[in-house]
Amino acid sequence: MSTTYIQYEVEERIATIRLNRAEKRNALNPEMIRDLTAALWRASDDSAVKVIVLQAEGSAFSAGADLAYLQQLQQNSYSENLDDSLLLKNLYTSILRIPKVVIAQVEGHAIAGGCGLATACDIIFAVPEALFGYTEVKLGFVPALVSCLLMRKTSETIVKRILFTGELFNAETALQYNLITFVTNKEEIRQKVRNFALDLCESSSGNALAVTKKLINETTFASLETSLTAAAALNAEVRQSDDFKKGIGDFLEKKKTSW
């Protein structure tokens, strides 16, 4: 199953799902989010798949929201923005719910929603050159959904720092923040990810992996679903604000916003 935005293939019990919108730096829009969610569940339901690897074509893993998509958000009603927020929430929770290990292979920048996509994965490999960050506050927006994911992985102090400032940071810093699992140079990352995935396929019980993932996501973080639902509503609410409309408008016009 491949679509305009997503490439999908299975080999040696590894499903590779590849973001295929390189000309837009793999920016997310509703169609891409739906296609990616469907691909993840296809891999989940495929008995020939044991591990899922998420990759991206081009120089960026994902630059966050698509520009045309941002323009549309300015016109949406609260209800439309809530439906849109729940769509992204469904993508993140799908990664968490799928009983198979999902590995992110980050070979380029992962920004805003794209950074959230990587953060939601179980294991994250990244090249040293990759930059991470949540730039939403610079646009009068809030990183509502991803804040719930970040609090599972790192401290409140670090979450406040990266979300309040919107700063970008490299893979080594992301590793120090406990947001990713491995930093691997560009020449080796594909083989390292493949070897890691094959080792899980050959050395670990599929059922044990699934139950362990469920234990972590549904027992240790039992309130996550409730938190994400509340965050989606907050996300939709903020999109109605004057600050959001000003920040997005200036961004689209390539103007520096004076807050």
C-alpha atoms as a PDB file:
ATOM      1  CA  MET A   1       0.000   0.000   0.000  1.00  0.00           C
ATOM      2  CA  SER A   2       1.481   3.284  -1.135  1.00  0.00           C
ATOM      3  CA  THR A   3      -0.244   6.634  -1.599  1.00  0.00           C
ATOM      4  CA  THR A   4       0.690  10.074  -2.854  1.00  0.00           C
ATOM      5  CA  TYR A   5       2.181  10.929   0.527  1.00  0.00           C
ATOM      6  CA  ILE A   6       3.232   7.573   1.968  1.00  0.00           C
ATOM      7  CA  GLN A   7       5.377   4.676   0.721  1.00  0.00           C
ATOM      8  CA  TYR A   8       4.876   1.282   2.326  1.00  0.00           C
ATOM      9  CA  GLU A   9       6.860  -1.944   1.986  1.00  0.00           C
ATOM     10  CA  VAL A  10       7.523  -5.097   3.988  1.00  0.00           C
ATOM     11  CA  GLU A  11      10.746  -7.099   4.021  1.00  0.00           C
ATOM     12  CA  GLU A  12      12.076  -9.595   6.562  1.00  0.00           C
ATOM     13  CA  ARG A  13       9.181  -8.883   8.963  1.00  0.00           C
ATOM     14  CA  ILE A  14       9.981  -5.162   8.960  1.00  0.00           C
ATOM     15  CA  ALA A  15       7.363  -2.745   7.625  1.00  0.00           C
ATOM     16  CA  THR A  16       8.974   0.443   6.338  1.00  0.00           C
ATOM     17  CA  ILE A  17       6.644   3.425   6.193  1.00  0.00           C
ATOM     18  CA  ARG A  18       8.191   6.391   4.431  1.00  0.00           C
ATOM     19  CA  LEU A  19       6.923   9.970   4.361  1.00  0.00           C
ATOM     20  CA  ASN A  20       6.973  10.870   0.672  1.00  0.00           C
ATOM     21  CA  ARG A  21       6.487  14.601   0.390  1.00  0.00           C
ATOM     22  CA  ALA A  22      10.086  15.706   0.092  1.00  0.00           C
ATOM     23  CA  GLU A  23       9.267  18.769  -2.030  1.00  0.00           C
ATOM     24  CA  LYS A  24       7.307  20.139   0.971  1.00  0.00           C
ATOM     25  CA  ARG A  25       9.866  18.915   3.515  1.00  0.00           C
ATOM     26  CA  ASN A  26       7.344  16.231   4.498  1.00  0.00           C
ATOM     27  CA  ALA A  27       5.084  18.870   6.024  1.00  0.00           C
ATOM     28  CA  LEU A  28       1.912  17.435   7.524  1.00  0.00           C
ATOM     29  CA  ASN A  29      -1.565  18.042   6.159  1.00  0.00           C
ATOM     30  CA  PRO A  30      -4.815  16.181   6.894  1.00  0.00           C
ATOM     31  CA  GLU A  31      -4.496  13.819   3.929  1.00  0.00           C
ATOM     32  CA  MET A  32      -0.950  12.849   4.869  1.00  0.00           C
ATOM     33  CA  ILE A  33      -1.956  12.336   8.507  1.00  0.00           C
ATOM     34  CA  ARG A  34      -4.829  10.055   7.449  1.00  0.00           C
ATOM     35  CA  ASP A  35      -2.620   8.075   5.057  1.00  0.00           C
ATOM     36  CA  LEU A  36       0.115   7.658   7.649  1.00  0.00           C
ATOM     37  CA  THR A  37      -2.359   6.529  10.303  1.00  0.00           C
ATOM     38  CA  ALA A  38      -3.852   3.992   7.889  1.00  0.00           C
ATOM     39  CA  ALA A  39      -0.390   2.665   6.979  1.00  0.00           C
ATOM     40  CA  LEU A  40       0.510   2.215  10.632  1.00  0.00           C
ATOM     41  CA  TRP A  41      -2.647   0.200  11.307  1.00  0.00           C
ATOM     42  CA  ARG A  42      -2.081  -1.860   8.164  1.00  0.00           C
ATOM     43  CA  ALA A  43       1.343  -2.824   9.512  1.00  0.00           C
ATOM     44  CA  SER A  44      -0.190  -3.504  12.912  1.00  0.00           C
ATOM     45  CA  ASP A  45      -2.741  -5.905  11.414  1.00  0.00           C
ATOM     46  CA  ASP A  46      -0.230  -7.673   9.125  1.00  0.00           C
ATOM     47  CA  SER A  47       0.870 -11.004  10.622  1.00  0.00           C
ATOM     48  CA  ALA A  48       3.992 -10.863   8.421  1.00  0.00           C
ATOM     49  CA  VAL A  49       5.159  -7.690  10.234  1.00  0.00           C
ATOM     50  CA  LYS A  50       6.865  -7.671  13.606  1.00  0.00           C
ATOM     51  CA  VAL A  51       8.551  -4.242  13.692  1.00  0.00           C
ATOM     52  CA  ILE A  52       7.648  -0.921  12.032  1.00  0.00           C
ATOM     53  CA  VAL A  53      10.238   1.627  10.843  1.00  0.00           C
ATOM     54  CA  LEU A  54       9.177   5.201  10.074  1.00  0.00           C
ATOM     55  CA  GLN A  55      11.425   7.046   7.621  1.00  0.00           C
ATOM     56  CA  ALA A  56      11.195  10.102   5.359  1.00  0.00           C
ATOM     57  CA  GLU A  57      12.281  10.994   1.834  1.00  0.00           C
ATOM     58  CA  GLY A  58      14.404  14.076   1.257  1.00  0.00           C
ATOM     59  CA  SER A  59      16.399  16.321   3.563  1.00  0.00           C
ATOM     60  CA  ALA A  60      13.776  16.761   6.332  1.00  0.00           C
ATOM     61  CA  PHE A  61      12.033  14.202   8.505  1.00  0.00           C
ATOM     62  CA  SER A  62       9.051  16.556   8.813  1.00  0.00           C
ATOM     63  CA  ALA A  63       8.877  20.336   8.979  1.00  0.00           C
ATOM     64  CA  GLY A  64       5.565  20.352  10.828  1.00  0.00           C
ATOM     65  CA  ALA A  65       2.408  21.865   9.371  1.00  0.00           C
ATOM     66  CA  ASP A  66       1.969  22.550   5.666  1.00  0.00           C
ATOM     67  CA  LEU A  67       1.681  26.259   4.701  1.00  0.00           C
ATOM     68  CA  ALA A  68      -1.604  25.821   2.831  1.00  0.00           C
ATOM     69  CA  TYR A  69      -2.884  23.924   5.836  1.00  0.00           C
ATOM     70  CA  LEU A  70      -1.904  26.802   8.144  1.00  0.00           C
ATOM     71  CA  GLN A  71      -3.798  29.216   5.918  1.00  0.00           C
ATOM     72  CA  GLN A  72      -6.902  27.064   6.186  1.00  0.00           C
ATOM     73  CA  LEU A  73      -6.653  26.912   9.978  1.00  0.00           C
ATOM     74  CA  GLN A  74      -7.185  30.670  10.145  1.00  0.00           C
ATOM     75  CA  GLN A  75     -10.623  30.243   8.572  1.00  0.00           C
ATOM     76  CA  ASN A  76     -11.754  27.175  10.531  1.00  0.00           C
ATOM     77  CA  SER A  77     -14.494  27.230  13.125  1.00  0.00           C
ATOM     78  CA  TYR A  78     -13.840  25.870  16.615  1.00  0.00           C
ATOM     79  CA  SER A  79     -15.576  22.617  15.642  1.00  0.00           C
ATOM     80  CA  GLU A  80     -13.455  22.246  12.506  1.00  0.00           C
ATOM     81  CA  ASN A  81     -10.277  22.941  14.459  1.00  0.00           C
ATOM     82  CA  LEU A  82     -11.280  20.411  17.105  1.00  0.00           C
ATOM     83  CA  ASP A  83     -11.843  17.745  14.435  1.00  0.00           C
ATOM     84  CA  ASP A  84      -8.454  18.618  12.965  1.00  0.00           C
ATOM     85  CA  SER A  85      -6.731  18.418  16.363  1.00  0.00           C
ATOM     86  CA  LEU A  86      -8.340  15.052  17.031  1.00  0.00           C
ATOM     87  CA  LEU A  87      -7.008  13.818  13.681  1.00  0.00           C
ATOM     88  CA  LEU A  88      -3.431  14.506  14.801  1.00  0.00           C
ATOM     89  CA  LYS A  89      -4.195  13.070  18.231  1.00  0.00           C
ATOM     90  CA  ASN A  90      -5.388   9.885  16.509  1.00  0.00           C
ATOM     91  CA  LEU A  91      -2.059   9.612  14.665  1.00  0.00           C
ATOM     92  CA  TYR A  92      -0.046   9.938  17.871  1.00  0.00           C
ATOM     93  CA  THR A  93      -2.251   7.562  19.849  1.00  0.00           C
ATOM     94  CA  SER A  94      -2.165   5.040  16.997  1.00  0.00           C
ATOM     95  CA  ILE A  95       1.613   4.834  17.354  1.00  0.00           C
ATOM     96  CA  LEU A  96       1.167   4.306  21.092  1.00  0.00           C
ATOM     97  CA  ARG A  97      -1.615   1.720  20.760  1.00  0.00           C
ATOM     98  CA  ILE A  98      -0.157  -0.392  17.978  1.00  0.00           C
ATOM     99  CA  PRO A  99       1.210  -3.528  19.663  1.00  0.00           C
ATOM    100  CA  LYS A 100       4.338  -3.562  17.491  1.00  0.00           C
ATOM    101  CA  VAL A 101       7.516  -1.592  18.137  1.00  0.00           C
ATOM    102  CA  VAL A 102       7.653   1.599  16.046  1.00  0.00           C
ATOM    103  CA  ILE A 103      11.149   2.925  15.286  1.00  0.00           C
ATOM    104  CA  ALA A 104      11.707   6.465  13.969  1.00  0.00           C
ATOM    105  CA  GLN A 105      14.672   6.925  11.629  1.00  0.00           C
ATOM    106  CA  VAL A 106      15.283  10.678  11.693  1.00  0.00           C
ATOM    107  CA  GLU A 107      17.731  11.769   8.976  1.00  0.00           C
ATOM    108  CA  GLY A 108      16.677  15.411   8.799  1.00  0.00           C
ATOM    109  CA  HIS A 109      15.031  18.135  10.814  1.00  0.00           C
ATOM    110  CA  ALA A 110      11.945  17.243  12.875  1.00  0.00           C
ATOM    111  CA  ILE A 111      10.077  20.406  13.783  1.00  0.00           C
ATOM    112  CA  ALA A 112       6.785  21.088  15.631  1.00  0.00           C
ATOM    113  CA  GLY A 113       4.260  18.382  14.643  1.00  0.00           C
ATOM    114  CA  GLY A 114       7.058  16.506  12.875  1.00  0.00           C
ATOM    115  CA  CYS A 115       9.026  16.472  16.111  1.00  0.00           C
ATOM    116  CA  GLY A 116       5.903  15.202  17.863  1.00  0.00           C
ATOM    117  CA  LEU A 117       5.663  12.404  15.322  1.00  0.00           C
ATOM    118  CA  ALA A 118       9.180  11.257  16.155  1.00  0.00           C
ATOM    119  CA  THR A 119       8.591  11.703  19.889  1.00  0.00           C
ATOM    120  CA  ALA A 120       5.559   9.393  19.783  1.00  0.00           C
ATOM    121  CA  CYS A 121       7.652   6.496  18.451  1.00  0.00           C
ATOM    122  CA  ASP A 122       9.042   3.796  20.754  1.00  0.00           C
ATOM    123  CA  ILE A 123      12.677   4.020  19.616  1.00  0.00           C
ATOM    124  CA  ILE A 124      14.234   7.026  17.873  1.00  0.00           C
ATOM    125  CA  PHE A 125      17.482   6.982  15.878  1.00  0.00           C
ATOM    126  CA  ALA A 126      18.751  10.351  14.599  1.00  0.00           C
ATOM    127  CA  VAL A 127      21.722  11.678  12.678  1.00  0.00           C
ATOM    128  CA  PRO A 128      23.857  14.328  14.448  1.00  0.00           C
ATOM    129  CA  GLU A 129      22.799  16.989  11.917  1.00  0.00           C
ATOM    130  CA  ALA A 130      19.095  16.639  12.672  1.00  0.00           C
ATOM    131  CA  LEU A 131      17.464  19.518  14.512  1.00  0.00           C
ATOM    132  CA  PHE A 132      14.496  19.094  16.831  1.00  0.00           C
ATOM    133  CA  GLY A 133      12.157  21.635  18.352  1.00  0.00           C
ATOM    134  CA  TYR A 134       8.663  22.905  18.994  1.00  0.00           C
ATOM    135  CA  THR A 135       8.350  26.392  17.523  1.00  0.00           C
ATOM    136  CA  GLU A 136       4.603  26.852  18.096  1.00  0.00           C
ATOM    137  CA  VAL A 137       4.839  29.685  20.660  1.00  0.00           C
ATOM    138  CA  LYS A 138       6.621  31.857  18.108  1.00  0.00           C
ATOM    139  CA  LEU A 139       3.451  31.704  15.996  1.00  0.00           C
ATOM    140  CA  GLY A 140       0.985  32.388  18.793  1.00  0.00           C
ATOM    141  CA  PHE A 141       0.168  28.689  18.887  1.00  0.00           C
ATOM    142  CA  VAL A 142       0.574  26.021  21.584  1.00  0.00           C
ATOM    143  CA  PRO A 143       2.250  22.589  21.389  1.00  0.00           C
ATOM    144  CA  ALA A 144      -0.701  21.075  23.245  1.00  0.00           C
ATOM    145  CA  LEU A 145      -0.660  17.451  22.097  1.00  0.00           C
ATOM    146  CA  VAL A 146       3.103  17.045  22.068  1.00  0.00           C
ATOM    147  CA  SER A 147       3.391  18.427  25.605  1.00  0.00           C
ATOM    148  CA  CYS A 148       1.612  15.295  26.816  1.00  0.00           C
ATOM    149  CA  LEU A 149       4.121  13.091  24.998  1.00  0.00           C
ATOM    150  CA  LEU A 150       7.122  15.070  26.211  1.00  0.00           C
ATOM    151  CA  MET A 151       6.161  14.796  29.858  1.00  0.00           C
ATOM    152  CA  ARG A 152       6.437  11.013  29.541  1.00  0.00           C
ATOM    153  CA  LYS A 153      10.042  11.219  28.416  1.00  0.00           C
ATOM    154  CA  THR A 154      11.764  14.079  30.179  1.00  0.00           C
ATOM    155  CA  SER A 155      11.436  16.479  33.094  1.00  0.00           C
ATOM    156  CA  GLU A 156       9.061  19.385  33.594  1.00  0.00           C
ATOM    157  CA  THR A 157      12.074  21.716  33.658  1.00  0.00           C
ATOM    158  CA  ILE A 158      13.212  20.631  30.197  1.00  0.00           C
ATOM    159  CA  VAL A 159       9.686  20.592  28.780  1.00  0.00           C
ATOM    160  CA  LYS A 160       9.134  24.181  29.906  1.00  0.00           C
ATOM    161  CA  ARG A 161      12.461  25.264  28.486  1.00  0.00           C
ATOM    162  CA  ILE A 162      11.919  23.833  25.005  1.00  0.00           C
ATOM    163  CA  LEU A 163       8.227  24.733  24.761  1.00  0.00           C
ATOM    164  CA  PHE A 164       8.471  28.268  26.195  1.00  0.00           C
ATOM    165  CA  THR A 165      11.463  29.245  24.034  1.00  0.00           C
ATOM    166  CA  GLY A 166      10.642  27.337  20.844  1.00  0.00           C
ATOM    167  CA  GLU A 167      14.392  26.803  20.491  1.00  0.00           C
ATOM    168  CA  LEU A 168      15.830  24.273  18.066  1.00  0.00           C
ATOM    169  CA  PHE A 169      18.353  21.763  19.384  1.00  0.00           C
ATOM    170  CA  ASN A 170      20.530  19.105  17.826  1.00  0.00           C
ATOM    171  CA  ALA A 171      20.408  15.335  18.185  1.00  0.00           C
ATOM    172  CA  GLU A 172      23.051  15.201  20.913  1.00  0.00           C
ATOM    173  CA  THR A 173      21.000  17.606  23.015  1.00  0.00           C
ATOM    174  CA  ALA A 174      17.840  15.616  22.272  1.00  0.00           C
ATOM    175  CA  LEU A 175      19.673  12.542  23.548  1.00  0.00           C
ATOM    176  CA  GLN A 176      20.683  14.389  26.728  1.00  0.00           C
ATOM    177  CA  TYR A 177      17.050  15.454  27.183  1.00  0.00           C
ATOM    178  CA  ASN A 178      16.045  11.767  26.875  1.00  0.00           C
ATOM    179  CA  LEU A 179      13.854  12.527  23.846  1.00  0.00           C
ATOM    180  CA  ILE A 180      15.625  10.141  21.456  1.00  0.00           C
ATOM    181  CA  THR A 181      17.357   6.795  21.856  1.00  0.00           C
ATOM    182  CA  PHE A 182      20.451   6.810  19.627  1.00  0.00           C
ATOM    183  CA  VAL A 183      22.576   9.282  17.648  1.00  0.00           C
ATOM    184  CA  THR A 184      24.074   7.589  14.598  1.00  0.00           C
ATOM    185  CA  ASN A 185      26.028   9.102  11.721  1.00  0.00           C
ATOM    186  CA  LYS A 186      24.347   9.420   8.332  1.00  0.00           C
ATOM    187  CA  GLU A 187      26.505   6.761   6.677  1.00  0.00           C
ATOM    188  CA  GLU A 188      25.439   4.116   9.191  1.00  0.00           C
ATOM    189  CA  ILE A 189      21.927   4.986  10.325  1.00  0.00           C
ATOM    190  CA  ARG A 190      20.008   2.874   7.811  1.00  0.00           C
ATOM    191  CA  GLN A 191      22.046  -0.231   8.618  1.00  0.00           C
ATOM    192  CA  LYS A 192      21.938   0.453  12.359  1.00  0.00           C
ATOM    193  CA  VAL A 193      18.143   0.770  12.288  1.00  0.00           C
ATOM    194  CA  ARG A 194      17.833  -2.349  10.167  1.00  0.00           C
ATOM    195  CA  ASN A 195      20.103  -4.338  12.490  1.00  0.00           C
ATOM    196  CA  PHE A 196      18.157  -3.148  15.539  1.00  0.00           C
ATOM    197  CA  ALA A 197      14.830  -4.070  13.949  1.00  0.00           C
ATOM    198  CA  LEU A 198      16.105  -7.473  12.795  1.00  0.00           C
ATOM    199  CA  ASP A 199      17.446  -8.195  16.263  1.00  0.00           C
ATOM    200  CA  LEU A 200      13.990  -7.517  17.741  1.00  0.00           C
ATOM    201  CA  CYS A 201      12.442  -9.773  15.111  1.00  0.00           C
ATOM    202  CA  GLU A 202      14.866 -12.631  15.755  1.00  0.00           C
ATOM    203  CA  SER A 203      15.553 -12.353  19.484  1.00  0.00           C
ATOM    204  CA  SER A 204      12.343 -11.135  21.125  1.00  0.00           C
ATOM    205  CA  SER A 205       8.901 -12.656  21.515  1.00  0.00           C
ATOM    206  CA  GLY A 206       6.335 -10.687  19.534  1.00  0.00           C
ATOM    207  CA  ASN A 207       3.731 -11.199  22.234  1.00  0.00           C
ATOM    208  CA  ALA A 208       6.153 -10.156  24.982  1.00  0.00           C
ATOM    209  CA  LEU A 209       7.044  -6.992  23.064  1.00  0.00           C
ATOM    210  CA  ALA A 210       3.356  -6.167  22.582  1.00  0.00           C
ATOM    211  CA  VAL A 211       2.473  -6.729  26.222  1.00  0.00           C
ATOM    212  CA  THR A 212       5.514  -4.751  27.400  1.00  0.00           C
ATOM    213  CA  LYS A 213       4.540  -1.823  25.182  1.00  0.00           C
ATOM    214  CA  LYS A 214       0.970  -2.005  26.487  1.00  0.00           C
ATOM    215  CA  LEU A 215       2.262  -2.138  30.051  1.00  0.00           C
ATOM    216  CA  ILE A 216       4.271   1.048  29.560  1.00  0.00           C
ATOM    217  CA  ASN A 217       1.676   2.997  27.591  1.00  0.00           C
ATOM    218  CA  GLU A 218      -1.552   1.919  29.288  1.00  0.00           C
ATOM    219  CA  THR A 219      -0.484   1.175  32.851  1.00  0.00           C
ATOM    220  CA  THR A 220       2.410   3.467  33.663  1.00  0.00           C
ATOM    221  CA  PHE A 221       0.810   6.324  31.704  1.00  0.00           C
ATOM    222  CA  ALA A 222      -2.838   5.408  32.181  1.00  0.00           C
ATOM    223  CA  SER A 223      -4.049   9.034  32.043  1.00  0.00           C
ATOM    224  CA  LEU A 224      -2.355   9.854  28.722  1.00  0.00           C
ATOM    225  CA  GLU A 225      -5.496   9.356  26.601  1.00  0.00           C
ATOM    226  CA  THR A 226      -7.463  11.748  28.812  1.00  0.00           C
ATOM    227  CA  SER A 227      -4.634  14.291  28.691  1.00  0.00           C
ATOM    228  CA  LEU A 228      -4.426  14.146  24.888  1.00  0.00           C
ATOM    229  CA  THR A 229      -8.180  14.629  24.519  1.00  0.00           C
ATOM    230  CA  ALA A 230      -8.057  17.703  26.760  1.00  0.00           C
ATOM    231  CA  ALA A 231      -5.016  18.972  24.847  1.00  0.00           C
ATOM    232  CA  ALA A 232      -6.855  18.621  21.516  1.00  0.00           C
ATOM    233  CA  ALA A 233      -9.675  20.817  22.846  1.00  0.00           C
ATOM    234  CA  LEU A 234      -7.148  23.398  24.088  1.00  0.00           C
ATOM    235  CA  ASN A 235      -5.437  23.275  20.700  1.00  0.00           C
ATOM    236  CA  ALA A 236      -8.711  24.091  18.933  1.00  0.00           C
ATOM    237  CA  GLU A 237      -9.475  26.896  21.395  1.00  0.00           C
ATOM    238  CA  VAL A 238      -6.112  28.610  20.880  1.00  0.00           C
ATOM    239  CA  ARG A 239      -6.632  28.599  17.107  1.00  0.00           C
ATOM    240  CA  GLN A 240      -9.502  31.040  17.630  1.00  0.00           C
ATOM    241  CA  SER A 241      -7.251  33.551  19.396  1.00  0.00           C
ATOM    242  CA  ASP A 242      -6.079  36.872  17.953  1.00  0.00           C
ATOM    243  CA  ASP A 243      -2.466  35.955  18.729  1.00  0.00           C
ATOM    244  CA  PHE A 244      -2.717  32.799  16.642  1.00  0.00           C
ATOM    245  CA  LYS A 245      -4.200  34.649  13.679  1.00  0.00           C
ATOM    246  CA  LYS A 246      -1.558  37.368  13.963  1.00  0.00           C
ATOM    247  CA  GLY A 247       1.342  34.923  14.308  1.00  0.00           C
ATOM    248  CA  ILE A 248       0.255  32.686  11.439  1.00  0.00           C
ATOM    249  CA  GLY A 249      -0.523  35.699   9.244  1.00  0.00           C
ATOM    250  CA  ASP A 250       2.915  37.198   9.797  1.00  0.00           C
ATOM    251  CA  PHE A 251       4.584  33.826   9.251  1.00  0.00           C
ATOM    252  CA  LEU A 252       2.809  33.307   5.933  1.00  0.00           C
ATOM    253  CA  GLU A 253       3.780  36.832   4.865  1.00  0.00           C
ATOM    254  CA  LYS A 254       7.355  36.178   6.037  1.00  0.00           C
ATOM    255  CA  LYS A 255       7.197  39.072   8.500  1.00  0.00           C
ATOM    256  CA  LYS A 256       8.802  39.153  11.931  1.00  0.00           C
ATOM    257  CA  THR A 257       6.077  39.202  14.552  1.00  0.00           C
ATOM    258  CA  SER A 258       6.315  41.828  17.261  1.00  0.00           C
ATOM    259  CA  TRP A 259       4.780  40.356  20.401  1.00  0.00           C
END
